[in-house]
Amino acid sequence: MNNNEEQYEQWEQKLKMVELPLWADLPKFELYMDQLVALVNETLGPIGIDRVTPAMINNYVKNKAIMAPVKKKYQTMQVADVILISLLKPAFSLETIRRGIDQVTANIYPQQAYDTFIKRLLFSFKNMDSRNSRALEEKNLNDKFMQVAVNVIIDRIQSEKLLQIIQKPLTKITK
C-alpha cells in the first residue's frame, strides 16, 4: 500500500468514528450568531465540510432557507437546519435543500426527520465499504475517485428526481 492509499484509508477509518448530534443533543437554549457558527463548525469539522460563516448564515436567512433569528438568537430548529444545509450544500442548491426539508417535514416532525437523516448518514459513514463496493473494486485511487464521482452524479440526479416526484404542494395555513 502506498502513502496515498494509506492516507485515504486513515481518513476513511476516522470518518467511521464520527458522531453527529441527534435532535435531543442540540442546545435547548437560544444561540447568538457566533455561538451558532462555532457549534456547527465544531460539529462538522471532523467530516471535513466547509466551515460555515456568519455571512453564509445571513444568506440562508435572506433566501428563506432558514427562519430569521428572533432578537438575534437562533433556536434548535435553526441549528438543525444550518447543520443539514452545511451537509447538503456541496451537492444541492439552497432552494433544493429547503424544498427537500419542507417536503420531508410536511409528513413527519422536524425532530424525527432530522434524527432519521443523521442516523442514516452515520450508518453510511460506518458502512462506506459496502456502499462504495464498486469503487472498492478499483485498483488505484484515481479509478476509485472516478467511480465515487460517478456515484455522486447518479445520487444527485436520483435524489432530485425523487424530490420532484414526491413533492406535494405545501398548503399554507390561512386565517
C-alpha atoms as a PDB file:
ATOM      1  CA  MET A   1       0.000   0.000   0.000  1.00  0.00           C
ATOM      2  CA  ASN A   2       1.479   3.361  -0.984  1.00  0.00           C
ATOM      3  CA  ASN A   3       1.359   6.533   1.117  1.00  0.00           C
ATOM      4  CA  ASN A   4      -1.696   7.952  -0.699  1.00  0.00           C
ATOM      5  CA  GLU A   5      -3.684   4.769  -0.196  1.00  0.00           C
ATOM      6  CA  GLU A   6      -2.654   4.676   3.454  1.00  0.00           C
ATOM      7  CA  GLN A   7      -3.702   8.292   3.923  1.00  0.00           C
ATOM      8  CA  TYR A   8      -7.084   7.597   2.322  1.00  0.00           C
ATOM      9  CA  GLU A   9      -7.648   4.534   4.488  1.00  0.00           C
ATOM     10  CA  GLN A  10      -6.818   6.524   7.630  1.00  0.00           C
ATOM     11  CA  TRP A  11      -9.315   9.206   6.595  1.00  0.00           C
ATOM     12  CA  GLU A  12     -11.965   6.568   5.937  1.00  0.00           C
ATOM     13  CA  GLN A  13     -11.391   4.989   9.373  1.00  0.00           C
ATOM     14  CA  LYS A  14     -11.632   8.436  11.006  1.00  0.00           C
ATOM     15  CA  LEU A  15     -14.933   9.089   9.210  1.00  0.00           C
ATOM     16  CA  LYS A  16     -16.335   5.815  10.552  1.00  0.00           C
ATOM     17  CA  MET A  17     -15.758   7.150  14.081  1.00  0.00           C
ATOM     18  CA  VAL A  18     -17.614  10.450  13.551  1.00  0.00           C
ATOM     19  CA  GLU A  19     -20.531  11.166  15.834  1.00  0.00           C
ATOM     20  CA  LEU A  20     -23.100  13.818  14.993  1.00  0.00           C
ATOM     21  CA  PRO A  21     -25.692  15.173  17.418  1.00  0.00           C
ATOM     22  CA  LEU A  22     -29.257  13.959  17.275  1.00  0.00           C
ATOM     23  CA  TRP A  23     -32.043  16.467  17.958  1.00  0.00           C
ATOM     24  CA  ALA A  24     -32.005  15.756  21.711  1.00  0.00           C
ATOM     25  CA  ASP A  25     -28.280  16.583  21.768  1.00  0.00           C
ATOM     26  CA  LEU A  26     -28.725  20.018  20.166  1.00  0.00           C
ATOM     27  CA  PRO A  27     -28.792  23.034  22.508  1.00  0.00           C
ATOM     28  CA  LYS A  28     -32.168  23.687  24.118  1.00  0.00           C
ATOM     29  CA  PHE A  29     -31.312  27.353  24.626  1.00  0.00           C
ATOM     30  CA  GLU A  30     -31.056  30.100  22.044  1.00  0.00           C
ATOM     31  CA  LEU A  31     -27.692  30.869  20.452  1.00  0.00           C
ATOM     32  CA  TYR A  32     -26.207  34.073  19.126  1.00  0.00           C
ATOM     33  CA  MET A  33     -24.616  34.029  15.672  1.00  0.00           C
ATOM     34  CA  ASP A  34     -21.054  33.456  16.910  1.00  0.00           C
ATOM     35  CA  GLN A  35     -22.220  30.579  19.103  1.00  0.00           C
ATOM     36  CA  LEU A  36     -24.145  29.023  16.203  1.00  0.00           C
ATOM     37  CA  VAL A  37     -21.135  29.303  13.873  1.00  0.00           C
ATOM     38  CA  ALA A  38     -18.828  27.761  16.494  1.00  0.00           C
ATOM     39  CA  LEU A  39     -21.244  24.902  17.240  1.00  0.00           C
ATOM     40  CA  VAL A  40     -21.824  23.987  13.585  1.00  0.00           C
ATOM     41  CA  ASN A  41     -18.137  24.186  12.699  1.00  0.00           C
ATOM     42  CA  GLU A  42     -17.139  22.102  15.723  1.00  0.00           C
ATOM     43  CA  THR A  43     -19.859  19.549  14.932  1.00  0.00           C
ATOM     44  CA  LEU A  44     -18.991  19.172  11.244  1.00  0.00           C
ATOM     45  CA  GLY A  45     -15.234  19.745  11.461  1.00  0.00           C
ATOM     46  CA  PRO A  46     -14.328  16.035  11.670  1.00  0.00           C
ATOM     47  CA  ILE A  47     -16.178  15.377   8.407  1.00  0.00           C
ATOM     48  CA  GLY A  48     -14.222  17.997   6.504  1.00  0.00           C
ATOM     49  CA  ILE A  49     -17.275  20.010   5.466  1.00  0.00           C
ATOM     50  CA  ASP A  50     -16.545  23.631   4.527  1.00  0.00           C
ATOM     51  CA  ARG A  51     -16.748  25.888   7.541  1.00  0.00           C
ATOM     52  CA  VAL A  52     -19.907  27.951   7.910  1.00  0.00           C
ATOM     53  CA  THR A  53     -19.562  31.721   8.316  1.00  0.00           C
ATOM     54  CA  PRO A  54     -21.902  34.426   9.616  1.00  0.00           C
ATOM     55  CA  ALA A  55     -22.236  35.719   6.032  1.00  0.00           C
ATOM     56  CA  MET A  56     -23.408  32.275   4.886  1.00  0.00           C
ATOM     57  CA  ILE A  57     -25.994  32.063   7.661  1.00  0.00           C
ATOM     58  CA  ASN A  58     -27.213  35.593   6.869  1.00  0.00           C
ATOM     59  CA  ASN A  59     -27.543  34.463   3.248  1.00  0.00           C
ATOM     60  CA  TYR A  60     -29.595  31.436   4.351  1.00  0.00           C
ATOM     61  CA  VAL A  61     -31.934  33.767   6.258  1.00  0.00           C
ATOM     62  CA  LYS A  62     -32.127  36.232   3.340  1.00  0.00           C
ATOM     63  CA  ASN A  63     -33.004  33.399   0.947  1.00  0.00           C
ATOM     64  CA  LYS A  64     -35.515  31.939   3.438  1.00  0.00           C
ATOM     65  CA  ALA A  65     -33.571  28.686   3.711  1.00  0.00           C
ATOM     66  CA  ILE A  66     -33.811  29.101   7.495  1.00  0.00           C
ATOM     67  CA  MET A  67     -36.113  31.191   9.657  1.00  0.00           C
ATOM     68  CA  ALA A  68     -34.834  34.576  10.738  1.00  0.00           C
ATOM     69  CA  PRO A  69     -33.469  34.730  14.275  1.00  0.00           C
ATOM     70  CA  VAL A  70     -35.664  36.233  16.974  1.00  0.00           C
ATOM     71  CA  LYS A  71     -33.838  39.098  18.700  1.00  0.00           C
ATOM     72  CA  LYS A  72     -30.605  37.862  17.068  1.00  0.00           C
ATOM     73  CA  LYS A  73     -30.994  34.449  18.696  1.00  0.00           C
ATOM     74  CA  TYR A  74     -31.242  31.093  16.909  1.00  0.00           C
ATOM     75  CA  GLN A  75     -33.361  28.206  18.181  1.00  0.00           C
ATOM     76  CA  THR A  76     -32.922  24.433  17.902  1.00  0.00           C
ATOM     77  CA  MET A  77     -34.806  24.253  14.588  1.00  0.00           C
ATOM     78  CA  GLN A  78     -32.450  26.788  13.012  1.00  0.00           C
ATOM     79  CA  VAL A  79     -29.381  24.966  14.385  1.00  0.00           C
ATOM     80  CA  ALA A  80     -30.629  21.712  12.824  1.00  0.00           C
ATOM     81  CA  ASP A  81     -31.344  23.486   9.532  1.00  0.00           C
ATOM     82  CA  VAL A  82     -27.845  25.009   9.377  1.00  0.00           C
ATOM     83  CA  ILE A  83     -26.289  21.590  10.054  1.00  0.00           C
ATOM     84  CA  LEU A  84     -28.413  19.979   7.325  1.00  0.00           C
ATOM     85  CA  ILE A  85     -27.718  22.779   4.842  1.00  0.00           C
ATOM     86  CA  SER A  86     -23.986  22.546   5.557  1.00  0.00           C
ATOM     87  CA  LEU A  87     -24.048  18.806   4.896  1.00  0.00           C
ATOM     88  CA  LEU A  88     -26.152  19.034   1.733  1.00  0.00           C
ATOM     89  CA  LYS A  89     -24.803  22.255   0.206  1.00  0.00           C
ATOM     90  CA  PRO A  90     -21.868  20.625  -1.614  1.00  0.00           C
ATOM     91  CA  ALA A  91     -24.354  18.572  -3.639  1.00  0.00           C
ATOM     92  CA  PHE A  92     -27.518  20.669  -3.866  1.00  0.00           C
ATOM     93  CA  SER A  93     -28.708  24.233  -4.337  1.00  0.00           C
ATOM     94  CA  LEU A  94     -30.102  26.081  -1.331  1.00  0.00           C
ATOM     95  CA  GLU A  95     -33.536  26.036  -2.962  1.00  0.00           C
ATOM     96  CA  THR A  96     -33.453  22.253  -3.466  1.00  0.00           C
ATOM     97  CA  ILE A  97     -32.314  21.713   0.132  1.00  0.00           C
ATOM     98  CA  ARG A  98     -35.136  23.873   1.512  1.00  0.00           C
ATOM     99  CA  ARG A  99     -37.716  22.149  -0.720  1.00  0.00           C
ATOM    100  CA  GLY A 100     -36.450  18.772   0.452  1.00  0.00           C
ATOM    101  CA  ILE A 101     -36.600  19.725   4.126  1.00  0.00           C
ATOM    102  CA  ASP A 102     -40.093  21.186   3.701  1.00  0.00           C
ATOM    103  CA  GLN A 103     -41.292  18.094   1.847  1.00  0.00           C
ATOM    104  CA  VAL A 104     -39.981  15.633   4.417  1.00  0.00           C
ATOM    105  CA  THR A 105     -41.202  17.662   7.399  1.00  0.00           C
ATOM    106  CA  ALA A 106     -44.660  18.032   5.840  1.00  0.00           C
ATOM    107  CA  ASN A 107     -45.185  14.359   6.708  1.00  0.00           C
ATOM    108  CA  ILE A 108     -43.168  13.911   9.922  1.00  0.00           C
ATOM    109  CA  TYR A 109     -41.998  16.110  12.761  1.00  0.00           C
ATOM    110  CA  PRO A 110     -38.774  18.041  12.127  1.00  0.00           C
ATOM    111  CA  GLN A 111     -37.107  16.278  15.078  1.00  0.00           C
ATOM    112  CA  GLN A 112     -37.891  12.854  13.626  1.00  0.00           C
ATOM    113  CA  ALA A 113     -36.804  13.875  10.122  1.00  0.00           C
ATOM    114  CA  TYR A 114     -33.515  15.343  11.394  1.00  0.00           C
ATOM    115  CA  ASP A 115     -32.730  12.287  13.539  1.00  0.00           C
ATOM    116  CA  THR A 116     -33.552   9.885  10.693  1.00  0.00           C
ATOM    117  CA  PHE A 117     -31.272  11.763   8.296  1.00  0.00           C
ATOM    118  CA  ILE A 118     -28.382  11.949  10.805  1.00  0.00           C
ATOM    119  CA  LYS A 119     -28.727   8.256  11.689  1.00  0.00           C
ATOM    120  CA  ARG A 120     -28.689   7.291   8.008  1.00  0.00           C
ATOM    121  CA  LEU A 121     -25.626   9.453   7.401  1.00  0.00           C
ATOM    122  CA  LEU A 122     -23.760   7.945  10.360  1.00  0.00           C
ATOM    123  CA  PHE A 123     -24.742   4.435   9.243  1.00  0.00           C
ATOM    124  CA  SER A 124     -23.389   5.212   5.771  1.00  0.00           C
ATOM    125  CA  PHE A 125     -20.134   6.548   7.233  1.00  0.00           C
ATOM    126  CA  LYS A 126     -19.701   3.349   9.238  1.00  0.00           C
ATOM    127  CA  ASN A 127     -20.540   1.200   6.220  1.00  0.00           C
ATOM    128  CA  MET A 128     -18.729   3.068   3.466  1.00  0.00           C
ATOM    129  CA  ASP A 129     -17.118  -0.169   2.362  1.00  0.00           C
ATOM    130  CA  SER A 130     -20.418  -1.749   1.351  1.00  0.00           C
ATOM    131  CA  ARG A 131     -21.912   1.497  -0.001  1.00  0.00           C
ATOM    132  CA  ASN A 132     -18.978   2.023  -2.340  1.00  0.00           C
ATOM    133  CA  SER A 133     -18.418  -1.618  -3.234  1.00  0.00           C
ATOM    134  CA  ARG A 134     -17.978  -0.740  -6.905  1.00  0.00           C
ATOM    135  CA  ALA A 135     -15.385   1.905  -6.022  1.00  0.00           C
ATOM    136  CA  LEU A 136     -13.583  -0.553  -3.749  1.00  0.00           C
ATOM    137  CA  GLU A 137     -13.134  -2.929  -6.663  1.00  0.00           C
ATOM    138  CA  GLU A 138     -11.000  -0.289  -8.342  1.00  0.00           C
ATOM    139  CA  LYS A 139      -7.281  -0.953  -8.134  1.00  0.00           C
ATOM    140  CA  ASN A 140      -5.976   2.578  -7.593  1.00  0.00           C
ATOM    141  CA  LEU A 141      -7.102   5.851  -6.059  1.00  0.00           C
ATOM    142  CA  ASN A 142      -7.622   7.539  -9.451  1.00  0.00           C
ATOM    143  CA  ASP A 143     -10.078   4.845 -10.513  1.00  0.00           C
ATOM    144  CA  LYS A 144     -11.732   4.888  -7.090  1.00  0.00           C
ATOM    145  CA  PHE A 145     -12.079   8.675  -7.365  1.00  0.00           C
ATOM    146  CA  MET A 146     -13.743   8.412 -10.765  1.00  0.00           C
ATOM    147  CA  GLN A 147     -16.224   5.804  -9.526  1.00  0.00           C
ATOM    148  CA  VAL A 148     -17.121   7.834  -6.418  1.00  0.00           C
ATOM    149  CA  ALA A 149     -17.591  10.937  -8.626  1.00  0.00           C
ATOM    150  CA  VAL A 150     -19.905   8.928 -10.888  1.00  0.00           C
ATOM    151  CA  ASN A 151     -21.830   7.795  -7.793  1.00  0.00           C
ATOM    152  CA  VAL A 152     -22.250  11.446  -6.719  1.00  0.00           C
ATOM    153  CA  ILE A 153     -23.725  12.378 -10.081  1.00  0.00           C
ATOM    154  CA  ILE A 154     -26.118   9.444 -10.059  1.00  0.00           C
ATOM    155  CA  ASP A 155     -27.124  10.048  -6.429  1.00  0.00           C
ATOM    156  CA  ARG A 156     -27.770  13.750  -7.078  1.00  0.00           C
ATOM    157  CA  ILE A 157     -29.848  13.152 -10.211  1.00  0.00           C
ATOM    158  CA  GLN A 158     -31.741  10.356  -8.479  1.00  0.00           C
ATOM    159  CA  SER A 159     -32.472  12.403  -5.331  1.00  0.00           C
ATOM    160  CA  GLU A 160     -33.657  15.425  -7.321  1.00  0.00           C
ATOM    161  CA  LYS A 161     -35.990  13.188  -9.374  1.00  0.00           C
ATOM    162  CA  LEU A 162     -37.337  11.598  -6.191  1.00  0.00           C
ATOM    163  CA  LEU A 163     -37.982  15.033  -4.688  1.00  0.00           C
ATOM    164  CA  GLN A 164     -39.717  16.123  -7.886  1.00  0.00           C
ATOM    165  CA  ILE A 165     -41.960  13.037  -7.819  1.00  0.00           C
ATOM    166  CA  ILE A 166     -42.834  13.070  -4.119  1.00  0.00           C
ATOM    167  CA  GLN A 167     -43.171  16.817  -3.797  1.00  0.00           C
ATOM    168  CA  LYS A 168     -46.686  17.792  -2.963  1.00  0.00           C
ATOM    169  CA  PRO A 169     -47.875  21.359  -2.975  1.00  0.00           C
ATOM    170  CA  LEU A 170     -47.380  22.561   0.568  1.00  0.00           C
ATOM    171  CA  THR A 171     -50.588  24.075   1.826  1.00  0.00           C
ATOM    172  CA  LYS A 172     -50.299  27.352   3.611  1.00  0.00           C
ATOM    173  CA  ILE A 173     -52.360  27.887   6.721  1.00  0.00           C
ATOM    174  CA  THR A 174     -54.546  30.932   6.315  1.00  0.00           C
ATOM    175  CA  LYS A 175     -56.535  32.690   8.958  1.00  0.00           C
END
